[in-house]
């Protein structure tokens, strides 16, 4: 798995979808499995307040990327529409970064686009690099990681 701690079984929380590099917190269930959340997750806050005795502190396995594990993330984009902008976005994601696109949805209204791209990334460093590069594409105003 991408998480390491005493050979326990881990589940990635679907509410916040943490990826390697995110600061995480875990909660041990009665069957011994640990559900891993981003520390910033509102569900994690609620669980920590209610089940403080079930909290564990998992760490990402340093070799997770080498195991070809990929994690779902969503990027929300906004900007000014122009011919070729979608090509630039997808070319960088697919060909330069070798990141798999799960879904892509942009809509345009009066020359302004907004939408999201669901991707599979290996770790936070890849996501940070991707966001910085996308923000430099002419016409893009914002690129933010958002909830799936």
Protein backbone atom coordinates (compact mmCIF):
# COMPACT_ATOMS: atom_id res chain seq x y z
CA UNK A 1 0.00 0.00 0.00
CA UNK A 2 0.99 3.64 -0.10
CA UNK A 3 0.74 3.98 3.67
CA UNK A 4 3.06 2.32 6.12
CA UNK A 5 2.57 1.56 9.81
CA UNK A 6 2.85 -1.82 11.48
CA UNK A 7 1.46 -3.86 8.55
CA UNK A 8 -2.09 -2.64 9.08
CA UNK A 9 -4.81 -2.50 6.42
CA UNK A 10 -5.57 1.02 5.22
CA UNK A 11 -8.49 2.57 3.38
CA UNK A 12 -8.20 5.95 1.67
CA UNK A 13 -11.17 8.11 2.74
CA UNK A 14 -13.39 8.98 -0.22
CA UNK A 15 -14.52 12.23 1.40
CA UNK A 16 -11.12 13.89 1.01
CA UNK A 17 -9.02 11.50 -1.15
CA UNK A 18 -5.59 12.10 0.39
CA UNK A 19 -2.55 11.53 -1.84
CA UNK A 20 1.10 10.90 -0.93
CA UNK A 21 2.49 14.14 0.40
CA UNK A 22 -0.75 15.24 2.08
CA UNK A 23 -0.65 15.53 5.84
CA UNK A 24 -2.86 12.67 7.03
CA UNK A 25 -4.57 11.26 10.09
CA UNK A 26 -6.06 7.79 10.52
CA UNK A 27 -8.91 6.26 12.48
CA UNK A 28 -8.85 2.60 13.50
CA UNK A 29 -12.13 0.73 13.11
CA UNK A 30 -13.15 -2.20 15.32
CA UNK A 31 -11.96 -4.65 12.64
CA UNK A 32 -8.47 -3.11 12.76
CA UNK A 33 -8.55 -1.32 9.42
CA UNK A 34 -7.46 2.30 9.40
CA UNK A 35 -9.26 4.91 7.32
CA UNK A 36 -6.87 7.66 6.25
CA UNK A 37 -8.06 11.28 5.87
CA UNK A 38 -6.33 14.55 5.06
CA UNK A 39 -5.73 16.40 8.31
CA UNK A 40 -7.70 19.31 6.84
CA UNK A 41 -10.79 17.13 6.22
CA UNK A 42 -13.89 18.26 8.10
CA UNK A 43 -14.92 14.61 8.59
CA UNK A 44 -11.52 13.93 10.20
CA UNK A 45 -12.10 16.84 12.62
CA UNK A 46 -15.47 15.44 13.58
CA UNK A 47 -14.09 11.90 14.01
CA UNK A 48 -11.13 13.11 16.09
CA UNK A 49 -13.47 14.96 18.44
CA UNK A 50 -15.73 11.94 18.80
CA UNK A 51 -13.24 9.06 18.66
CA UNK A 52 -9.94 10.50 19.91
CA UNK A 53 -8.93 7.06 21.23
CA UNK A 54 -9.11 5.63 17.68
CA UNK A 55 -6.63 8.12 16.14
CA UNK A 56 -3.44 6.81 14.54
CA UNK A 57 -0.70 8.72 12.73
CA UNK A 58 0.08 6.89 9.49
CA UNK A 59 2.88 8.01 7.18
CA UNK A 60 3.12 7.75 3.44
CA UNK A 61 5.41 5.01 2.19
CA UNK A 62 8.46 6.64 0.60
CA UNK A 63 8.25 4.09 -2.22
CA UNK A 64 4.56 4.63 -3.09
CA UNK A 65 5.39 6.32 -6.40
CA UNK A 66 7.66 3.44 -7.38
CA UNK A 67 4.72 1.05 -6.87
CA UNK A 68 2.84 2.86 -9.68
CA UNK A 69 -0.03 3.66 -7.35
CA UNK A 70 -2.22 6.50 -8.57
CA UNK A 71 -4.67 8.56 -6.56
CA UNK A 72 -7.72 10.51 -7.79
CA UNK A 73 -7.68 14.30 -7.57
CA UNK A 74 -9.81 17.06 -9.05
CA UNK A 75 -8.51 20.37 -10.34
CA UNK A 76 -10.95 23.23 -10.79
CA UNK A 77 -10.00 25.72 -13.50
CA UNK A 78 -11.21 29.19 -14.48
CA UNK A 79 -10.02 31.51 -17.18
CA UNK A 80 -10.51 33.23 -20.50
CA UNK A 81 -11.41 30.98 -23.42
CA UNK A 82 -9.30 31.01 -26.56
CA UNK A 83 -8.65 28.66 -29.46
CA UNK A 84 -6.20 25.94 -28.45
CA UNK A 85 -6.36 26.32 -24.69
CA UNK A 86 -7.84 22.84 -24.14
CA UNK A 87 -5.13 21.37 -26.33
CA UNK A 88 -2.42 23.08 -24.25
CA UNK A 89 -3.96 21.88 -21.00
CA UNK A 90 -4.37 18.25 -22.06
CA UNK A 91 -1.01 18.13 -23.86
CA UNK A 92 0.85 19.19 -20.74
CA UNK A 93 -1.09 16.82 -18.47
CA UNK A 94 -0.83 13.77 -20.73
CA UNK A 95 2.36 14.13 -22.73
CA UNK A 96 4.66 16.15 -20.49
CA UNK A 97 3.58 14.94 -17.05
CA UNK A 98 2.31 11.48 -18.13
CA UNK A 99 -0.71 11.90 -15.88
CA UNK A 100 -3.88 9.98 -16.71
CA UNK A 101 -7.02 12.10 -17.16
CA UNK A 102 -10.17 10.42 -15.84
CA UNK A 103 -12.61 13.13 -16.90
CA UNK A 104 -12.51 16.65 -18.29
CA UNK A 105 -15.36 19.15 -18.19
CA UNK A 106 -15.14 22.81 -19.16
CA UNK A 107 -17.95 25.17 -20.11
CA UNK A 108 -17.69 28.60 -21.65
CA UNK A 109 -19.99 31.58 -21.17
CA UNK A 110 -19.22 34.96 -22.75
CA UNK A 111 -15.57 34.03 -23.30
CA UNK A 112 -14.95 32.83 -19.74
CA UNK A 113 -14.49 29.14 -19.05
CA UNK A 114 -14.76 27.15 -15.85
CA UNK A 115 -14.75 23.48 -15.09
CA UNK A 116 -12.76 20.64 -13.67
CA UNK A 117 -10.36 17.87 -14.58
CA UNK A 118 -10.26 14.59 -12.65
CA UNK A 119 -6.80 13.02 -12.71
CA UNK A 120 -4.79 10.17 -11.25
CA UNK A 121 -1.53 11.36 -9.66
CA UNK A 122 1.25 9.52 -7.86
CA UNK A 123 2.11 12.13 -5.25
CA UNK A 124 1.75 15.71 -4.10
CA UNK A 125 4.95 16.87 -5.85
CA UNK A 126 3.48 15.90 -9.23
CA UNK A 127 0.26 17.71 -8.44
CA UNK A 128 2.07 20.87 -7.30
CA UNK A 129 4.21 20.91 -10.45
CA UNK A 130 1.13 20.42 -12.63
CA UNK A 131 -0.81 23.23 -10.93
CA UNK A 132 2.10 25.67 -11.27
CA UNK A 133 2.52 24.88 -14.98
CA UNK A 134 -1.21 25.10 -15.75
CA UNK A 135 -1.38 28.50 -14.01
CA UNK A 136 1.23 29.78 -16.50
CA UNK A 137 -0.86 28.89 -19.56
CA UNK A 138 -2.15 32.05 -21.24
CA UNK A 139 -5.77 32.65 -20.28
CA UNK A 140 -5.91 30.53 -17.13
CA UNK A 141 -6.85 32.59 -14.09
CA UNK A 142 -6.95 29.89 -11.41
CA UNK A 143 -6.18 26.23 -10.89
CA UNK A 144 -7.16 24.76 -7.52
CA UNK A 145 -7.38 21.30 -6.04
CA UNK A 146 -11.00 20.70 -5.11
CA UNK A 147 -13.17 17.92 -3.74
CA UNK A 148 -14.13 15.06 -6.04
